[in-house]
Amino acid sequence: CPTGFSANMAVMTALGSISSLLAVGRKPAKDERIAIFSDALNHASIIDGIRLIERQQEAVVFVYKHCDMSHLDFLLSSCSIEKKVVVTDSLFSMDGDFAPLPELVELRRKYGFLLVIDDVSNFLSPLIHFCRVS
């Protein structure tokens, strides 16, 4: 039975493999790697996947302040790596707040990065919201 952990590891490993495949038989140079931008409060399974590809020298990782789109904008604009990925949870289960998805979409339009959203914690949120309102 697949888990959120295995799904996040698979996605991160696949992203890292892209830079290795393009490097053809060698470790990718720093500017050939993938730049991954991760929210500071992402789930541990996302962070573990990112650490794995970082150790394999397939990605350069940037952590932005939790839900801080100004900080993310600054990091994206300062990064010279061409291939960029932003990874976020949709619902941060420990804090109960949501990722600012409209702002992330605007930044995606501006910078053209791949946006990866882990939505596993969010599938029960309509029920939770209903229970709080009732």
N, C-alpha and C. Protein backbone atom coordinates (compact mmCIF):
# COMPACT_ATOMS: atom_id res chain seq x y z
N CYS A 1 0.84 -1.18 0.00
CA CYS A 1 0.00 0.00 0.00
C CYS A 1 0.89 1.25 0.00
N PRO A 2 0.76 2.11 -1.00
CA PRO A 2 1.59 3.32 -1.05
C PRO A 2 1.26 4.26 0.11
N THR A 3 2.25 4.99 0.53
CA THR A 3 2.08 5.97 1.60
C THR A 3 2.48 7.35 1.09
N GLY A 4 2.14 8.37 1.88
CA GLY A 4 2.57 9.73 1.54
C GLY A 4 4.08 9.83 1.52
N PHE A 5 4.73 9.11 2.45
CA PHE A 5 6.19 9.12 2.50
C PHE A 5 6.78 8.57 1.20
N SER A 6 6.28 7.41 0.76
CA SER A 6 6.83 6.82 -0.46
C SER A 6 6.51 7.68 -1.68
N ALA A 7 5.35 8.31 -1.69
CA ALA A 7 5.01 9.19 -2.82
C ALA A 7 5.95 10.39 -2.88
N ASN A 8 6.20 11.01 -1.72
CA ASN A 8 7.10 12.17 -1.71
C ASN A 8 8.52 11.78 -2.07
N MET A 9 8.99 10.63 -1.58
CA MET A 9 10.33 10.17 -1.94
C MET A 9 10.42 9.92 -3.45
N ALA A 10 9.38 9.31 -4.02
CA ALA A 10 9.38 9.02 -5.45
C ALA A 10 9.41 10.30 -6.28
N VAL A 11 8.59 11.29 -5.90
CA VAL A 11 8.55 12.54 -6.65
C VAL A 11 9.91 13.26 -6.57
N MET A 12 10.47 13.35 -5.38
CA MET A 12 11.75 14.05 -5.23
C MET A 12 12.87 13.31 -5.98
N THR A 13 12.88 11.99 -5.88
CA THR A 13 13.90 11.20 -6.58
C THR A 13 13.77 11.37 -8.09
N ALA A 14 12.54 11.37 -8.59
CA ALA A 14 12.33 11.56 -10.03
C ALA A 14 12.81 12.94 -10.47
N LEU A 15 12.54 13.95 -9.67
CA LEU A 15 13.01 15.30 -10.01
C LEU A 15 14.54 15.35 -10.06
N GLY A 16 15.18 14.74 -9.07
CA GLY A 16 16.64 14.70 -9.04
C GLY A 16 17.21 13.94 -10.22
N SER A 17 16.53 12.88 -10.63
CA SER A 17 17.02 12.06 -11.74
C SER A 17 17.06 12.83 -13.05
N ILE A 18 16.21 13.82 -13.19
CA ILE A 18 16.20 14.62 -14.42
C ILE A 18 17.56 15.26 -14.65
N SER A 19 18.13 15.86 -13.61
CA SER A 19 19.43 16.52 -13.80
C SER A 19 20.52 15.50 -14.07
N SER A 20 20.45 14.33 -13.44
CA SER A 20 21.45 13.28 -13.71
C SER A 20 21.34 12.74 -15.13
N LEU A 21 20.11 12.56 -15.60
CA LEU A 21 19.92 12.06 -16.96
C LEU A 21 20.46 13.06 -17.99
N LEU A 22 20.25 14.33 -17.73
CA LEU A 22 20.72 15.35 -18.67
C LEU A 22 22.24 15.52 -18.64
N ALA A 23 22.88 15.13 -17.53
CA ALA A 23 24.34 15.24 -17.41
C ALA A 23 25.06 14.09 -18.12
N VAL A 24 24.37 13.04 -18.50
CA VAL A 24 24.87 11.90 -19.26
C VAL A 24 26.18 11.32 -18.69
N GLY A 25 26.03 10.43 -17.72
CA GLY A 25 27.16 9.67 -17.22
C GLY A 25 28.08 10.36 -16.24
N ARG A 26 27.70 11.53 -15.76
CA ARG A 26 28.52 12.25 -14.78
C ARG A 26 27.59 12.98 -13.82
N LYS A 27 28.15 13.39 -12.71
CA LYS A 27 27.35 14.21 -11.78
C LYS A 27 27.09 15.56 -12.44
N PRO A 28 25.88 16.07 -12.31
CA PRO A 28 25.58 17.38 -12.92
C PRO A 28 26.38 18.50 -12.25
N ALA A 29 26.84 19.43 -13.05
CA ALA A 29 27.49 20.63 -12.52
C ALA A 29 26.45 21.43 -11.75
N LYS A 30 26.90 22.33 -10.89
CA LYS A 30 25.97 23.07 -10.03
C LYS A 30 24.88 23.78 -10.83
N ASP A 31 25.24 24.38 -11.95
CA ASP A 31 24.24 25.11 -12.73
C ASP A 31 23.34 24.17 -13.55
N GLU A 32 23.68 22.87 -13.63
CA GLU A 32 22.85 21.88 -14.31
C GLU A 32 21.87 21.20 -13.37
N ARG A 33 22.06 21.40 -12.08
CA ARG A 33 21.18 20.78 -11.10
C ARG A 33 19.82 21.47 -11.10
N ILE A 34 18.91 20.88 -10.36
CA ILE A 34 17.58 21.46 -10.20
C ILE A 34 17.58 22.28 -8.90
N ALA A 35 17.03 23.47 -8.96
CA ALA A 35 16.88 24.30 -7.76
C ALA A 35 15.51 23.98 -7.16
N ILE A 36 15.54 23.52 -5.92
CA ILE A 36 14.29 23.20 -5.23
C ILE A 36 14.07 24.20 -4.11
N PHE A 37 12.90 24.81 -4.12
CA PHE A 37 12.51 25.80 -3.11
C PHE A 37 11.44 25.15 -2.26
N SER A 38 11.71 25.04 -0.97
CA SER A 38 10.83 24.31 -0.05
C SER A 38 10.37 25.22 1.08
N ASP A 39 9.08 25.16 1.39
CA ASP A 39 8.55 25.90 2.54
C ASP A 39 9.21 25.36 3.81
N ALA A 40 9.53 26.24 4.73
CA ALA A 40 10.22 25.86 5.96
C ALA A 40 9.44 24.86 6.81
N LEU A 41 8.11 24.83 6.67
CA LEU A 41 7.31 23.92 7.48
C LEU A 41 6.73 22.75 6.69
N ASN A 42 7.35 22.42 5.55
CA ASN A 42 6.89 21.26 4.80
C ASN A 42 7.00 20.00 5.65
N HIS A 43 6.18 19.02 5.30
CA HIS A 43 6.15 17.75 6.03
C HIS A 43 7.52 17.06 5.94
N ALA A 44 7.85 16.31 6.97
CA ALA A 44 9.14 15.62 7.05
C ALA A 44 9.40 14.71 5.85
N SER A 45 8.37 14.12 5.28
CA SER A 45 8.58 13.23 4.13
C SER A 45 9.05 14.00 2.89
N ILE A 46 8.60 15.23 2.74
CA ILE A 46 9.08 16.08 1.65
C ILE A 46 10.54 16.43 1.91
N ILE A 47 10.83 16.83 3.13
CA ILE A 47 12.19 17.22 3.49
C ILE A 47 13.16 16.05 3.33
N ASP A 48 12.74 14.85 3.72
CA ASP A 48 13.60 13.66 3.55
C ASP A 48 13.91 13.41 2.08
N GLY A 49 12.91 13.53 1.22
CA GLY A 49 13.14 13.35 -0.22
C GLY A 49 14.08 14.40 -0.78
N ILE A 50 13.93 15.63 -0.34
CA ILE A 50 14.81 16.71 -0.79
C ILE A 50 16.24 16.46 -0.31
N ARG A 51 16.39 16.04 0.93
CA ARG A 51 17.74 15.76 1.46
C ARG A 51 18.43 14.65 0.67
N LEU A 52 17.66 13.64 0.28
CA LEU A 52 18.23 12.54 -0.50
C LEU A 52 18.81 13.04 -1.81
N ILE A 53 18.06 13.79 -2.58
CA ILE A 53 18.59 14.24 -3.87
C ILE A 53 19.67 15.30 -3.70
N GLU A 54 19.63 16.03 -2.58
CA GLU A 54 20.69 16.99 -2.30
C GLU A 54 22.00 16.24 -2.03
N ARG A 55 21.92 15.15 -1.25
CA ARG A 55 23.12 14.34 -0.97
C ARG A 55 23.67 13.69 -2.23
N GLN A 56 22.80 13.37 -3.16
CA GLN A 56 23.24 12.76 -4.42
C GLN A 56 23.73 13.81 -5.41
N GLN A 57 23.81 15.05 -4.96
CA GLN A 57 24.29 16.19 -5.75
C GLN A 57 23.49 16.38 -7.04
N GLU A 58 22.17 16.19 -6.92
CA GLU A 58 21.30 16.39 -8.06
C GLU A 58 20.46 17.65 -7.94
N ALA A 59 20.49 18.28 -6.79
CA ALA A 59 19.68 19.48 -6.57
C ALA A 59 20.39 20.44 -5.63
N VAL A 60 20.02 21.70 -5.77
CA VAL A 60 20.44 22.75 -4.84
C VAL A 60 19.17 23.20 -4.14
N VAL A 61 19.19 23.24 -2.82
CA VAL A 61 17.97 23.46 -2.06
C VAL A 61 17.97 24.85 -1.42
N PHE A 62 16.81 25.49 -1.52
CA PHE A 62 16.57 26.78 -0.89
C PHE A 62 15.31 26.63 -0.03
N VAL A 63 15.38 27.05 1.22
CA VAL A 63 14.23 26.98 2.11
C VAL A 63 13.72 28.40 2.33
N TYR A 64 12.45 28.62 2.01
CA TYR A 64 11.89 29.95 2.24
C TYR A 64 11.05 29.95 3.52
N LYS A 65 10.94 31.12 4.12
CA LYS A 65 10.17 31.27 5.35
C LYS A 65 8.74 30.82 5.12
N HIS A 66 8.16 30.24 6.14
CA HIS A 66 6.83 29.64 6.03
C HIS A 66 5.81 30.60 5.42
N CYS A 67 5.29 30.20 4.27
CA CYS A 67 4.24 30.94 3.54
C CYS A 67 4.63 32.38 3.22
N ASP A 68 5.90 32.67 3.17
CA ASP A 68 6.38 34.04 2.92
C ASP A 68 6.71 34.19 1.43
N MET A 69 5.76 34.71 0.68
CA MET A 69 5.92 34.81 -0.76
C MET A 69 6.93 35.87 -1.17
N SER A 70 7.13 36.88 -0.34
CA SER A 70 8.17 37.88 -0.63
C SER A 70 9.55 37.24 -0.54
N HIS A 71 9.75 36.41 0.47
CA HIS A 71 11.03 35.71 0.62
C HIS A 71 11.25 34.74 -0.54
N LEU A 72 10.20 34.00 -0.92
CA LEU A 72 10.31 33.09 -2.05
C LEU A 72 10.61 33.85 -3.33
N ASP A 73 9.96 34.96 -3.56
CA ASP A 73 10.20 35.80 -4.74
C ASP A 73 11.66 36.23 -4.77
N PHE A 74 12.19 36.65 -3.65
CA PHE A 74 13.59 37.07 -3.56
C PHE A 74 14.52 35.91 -3.91
N LEU A 75 14.27 34.74 -3.33
CA LEU A 75 15.13 33.58 -3.60
C LEU A 75 15.08 33.17 -5.07
N LEU A 76 13.87 33.17 -5.64
CA LEU A 76 13.72 32.81 -7.06
C LEU A 76 14.45 33.81 -7.96
N SER A 77 14.33 35.08 -7.66
CA SER A 77 14.97 36.10 -8.49
C SER A 77 16.49 36.08 -8.36
N SER A 78 16.99 35.59 -7.23
CA SER A 78 18.43 35.54 -6.98
C SER A 78 19.09 34.26 -7.51
N CYS A 79 18.30 33.31 -7.94
CA CYS A 79 18.81 32.00 -8.34
C CYS A 79 19.07 31.97 -9.85
N SER A 80 20.30 31.61 -10.23
CA SER A 80 20.65 31.56 -11.65
C SER A 80 20.41 30.19 -12.28
N ILE A 81 20.04 29.20 -11.48
CA ILE A 81 19.78 27.86 -12.02
C ILE A 81 18.51 27.91 -12.86
N GLU A 82 18.57 27.31 -14.03
CA GLU A 82 17.44 27.38 -14.97
C GLU A 82 16.24 26.56 -14.54
N LYS A 83 16.47 25.32 -14.10
CA LYS A 83 15.37 24.42 -13.74
C LYS A 83 15.00 24.62 -12.28
N LYS A 84 13.80 25.15 -12.03
CA LYS A 84 13.36 25.47 -10.68
C LYS A 84 12.08 24.71 -10.34
N VAL A 85 12.00 24.27 -9.07
CA VAL A 85 10.82 23.57 -8.57
C VAL A 85 10.48 24.16 -7.20
N VAL A 86 9.23 24.49 -7.00
CA VAL A 86 8.75 24.94 -5.69
C VAL A 86 7.87 23.82 -5.13
N VAL A 87 8.18 23.40 -3.89
CA VAL A 87 7.46 22.31 -3.25
C VAL A 87 6.80 22.84 -1.98
N THR A 88 5.51 22.53 -1.84
CA THR A 88 4.78 22.96 -0.64
C THR A 88 3.69 21.97 -0.28
N ASP A 89 3.37 21.91 0.99
CA ASP A 89 2.15 21.25 1.42
C ASP A 89 1.00 22.19 1.08
N SER A 90 -0.20 21.63 0.83
CA SER A 90 -1.35 22.52 0.65
C SER A 90 -1.90 22.94 2.01
N LEU A 91 -1.90 22.00 2.95
CA LEU A 91 -2.34 22.25 4.33
C LEU A 91 -1.21 21.83 5.25
N PHE A 92 -0.75 22.75 6.05
CA PHE A 92 0.32 22.45 7.00
C PHE A 92 -0.33 21.89 8.26
N SER A 93 -0.23 20.58 8.39
CA SER A 93 -1.01 19.87 9.41
C SER A 93 -0.65 20.26 10.84
N MET A 94 0.57 20.65 11.09
CA MET A 94 0.97 21.00 12.46
C MET A 94 0.42 22.38 12.86
N ASP A 95 0.32 23.29 11.90
CA ASP A 95 -0.15 24.64 12.20
C ASP A 95 -1.62 24.84 11.81
N GLY A 96 -2.09 24.04 10.88
CA GLY A 96 -3.47 24.15 10.44
C GLY A 96 -3.71 25.26 9.43
N ASP A 97 -2.63 25.83 8.88
CA ASP A 97 -2.82 26.88 7.88
C ASP A 97 -2.57 26.33 6.48
N PHE A 98 -3.04 27.07 5.49
CA PHE A 98 -2.96 26.65 4.10
C PHE A 98 -1.86 27.42 3.38
N ALA A 99 -1.28 26.76 2.39
CA ALA A 99 -0.32 27.44 1.52
C ALA A 99 -1.04 28.53 0.74
N PRO A 100 -0.38 29.63 0.47
CA PRO A 100 -1.00 30.72 -0.30
C PRO A 100 -0.98 30.39 -1.80
N LEU A 101 -1.87 29.49 -2.20
CA LEU A 101 -1.85 28.97 -3.57
C LEU A 101 -2.03 30.04 -4.65
N PRO A 102 -2.93 31.02 -4.49
CA PRO A 102 -3.03 32.05 -5.54
C PRO A 102 -1.71 32.81 -5.74
N GLU A 103 -1.02 33.12 -4.66
CA GLU A 103 0.26 33.82 -4.76
C GLU A 103 1.33 32.92 -5.38
N LEU A 104 1.29 31.63 -5.05
CA LEU A 104 2.24 30.68 -5.66
C LEU A 104 2.01 30.59 -7.17
N VAL A 105 0.76 30.61 -7.58
CA VAL A 105 0.45 30.56 -9.01
C VAL A 105 0.97 31.82 -9.71
N GLU A 106 0.81 32.98 -9.07
CA GLU A 106 1.33 34.23 -9.64
C GLU A 106 2.85 34.17 -9.80
N LEU A 107 3.54 33.65 -8.77
CA LEU A 107 5.00 33.53 -8.87
C LEU A 107 5.38 32.51 -9.95
N ARG A 108 4.57 31.47 -10.09
CA ARG A 108 4.85 30.49 -11.14
C ARG A 108 4.75 31.13 -12.52
N ARG A 109 3.76 31.97 -12.69
CA ARG A 109 3.63 32.69 -13.97
C ARG A 109 4.83 33.59 -14.22
N LYS A 110 5.33 34.20 -13.18
CA LYS A 110 6.46 35.12 -13.29
C LYS A 110 7.77 34.39 -13.60
N TYR A 111 8.01 33.23 -12.96
CA TYR A 111 9.30 32.55 -13.06
C TYR A 111 9.26 31.24 -13.85
N GLY A 112 8.09 30.69 -14.10
CA GLY A 112 7.98 29.48 -14.90
C GLY A 112 8.48 28.20 -14.23
N PHE A 113 8.44 28.14 -12.91
CA PHE A 113 8.91 26.94 -12.21
C PHE A 113 7.84 25.85 -12.20
N LEU A 114 8.26 24.64 -11.88
CA LEU A 114 7.34 23.53 -11.66
C LEU A 114 6.82 23.65 -10.23
N LEU A 115 5.53 23.64 -10.05
CA LEU A 115 4.93 23.75 -8.72
C LEU A 115 4.45 22.38 -8.29
N VAL A 116 5.01 21.87 -7.19
CA VAL A 116 4.64 20.57 -6.64
C VAL A 116 3.90 20.81 -5.33
N ILE A 117 2.65 20.33 -5.26
CA ILE A 117 1.82 20.53 -4.08
C ILE A 117 1.47 19.17 -3.48
N ASP A 118 1.85 18.97 -2.23
CA ASP A 118 1.47 17.77 -1.50
C ASP A 118 0.11 18.06 -0.86
N ASP A 119 -0.91 17.39 -1.35
CA ASP A 119 -2.28 17.68 -0.90
C ASP A 119 -2.85 16.59 0.00
N VAL A 120 -2.01 15.68 0.48
CA VAL A 120 -2.53 14.54 1.24
C VAL A 120 -3.23 14.97 2.53
N SER A 121 -2.76 16.00 3.20
CA SER A 121 -3.38 16.44 4.45
C SER A 121 -4.69 17.18 4.23
N ASN A 122 -4.94 17.59 3.02
CA ASN A 122 -6.07 18.45 2.72
C ASN A 122 -7.35 17.69 2.40
N PHE A 123 -7.27 16.39 2.13
CA PHE A 123 -8.46 15.70 1.64
C PHE A 123 -9.57 15.62 2.68
N LEU A 124 -9.26 15.75 3.96
CA LEU A 124 -10.29 15.75 5.00
C LEU A 124 -10.71 17.15 5.43
N SER A 125 -10.07 18.17 4.92
CA SER A 125 -10.35 19.52 5.41
C SER A 125 -11.81 19.96 5.23
N PRO A 126 -12.52 19.59 4.14
CA PRO A 126 -13.94 19.98 4.08
C PRO A 126 -14.76 19.39 5.23
N LEU A 127 -14.45 18.14 5.59
CA LEU A 127 -15.15 17.50 6.71
C LEU A 127 -14.80 18.19 8.03
N ILE A 128 -13.53 18.49 8.22
CA ILE A 128 -13.10 19.16 9.45
C ILE A 128 -13.76 20.54 9.54
N HIS A 129 -13.78 21.27 8.42
CA HIS A 129 -14.41 22.58 8.39
C HIS A 129 -15.90 22.45 8.74
N PHE A 130 -16.57 21.46 8.15
CA PHE A 130 -17.99 21.24 8.42
C PHE A 130 -18.23 20.97 9.91
N CYS A 131 -17.38 20.15 10.50
CA CYS A 131 -17.54 19.82 11.93
C CYS A 131 -17.34 21.05 12.82
N ARG A 132 -16.43 21.93 12.43
CA ARG A 132 -16.18 23.14 13.22
C ARG A 132 -17.37 24.11 13.11
N VAL A 133 -17.99 24.16 11.94
CA VAL A 133 -19.10 25.08 11.72
C VAL A 133 -20.37 24.56 12.37
N SER A 134 -20.56 23.26 12.37
CA SER A 134 -21.79 22.65 12.91
C SER A 134 -21.93 22.82 14.39
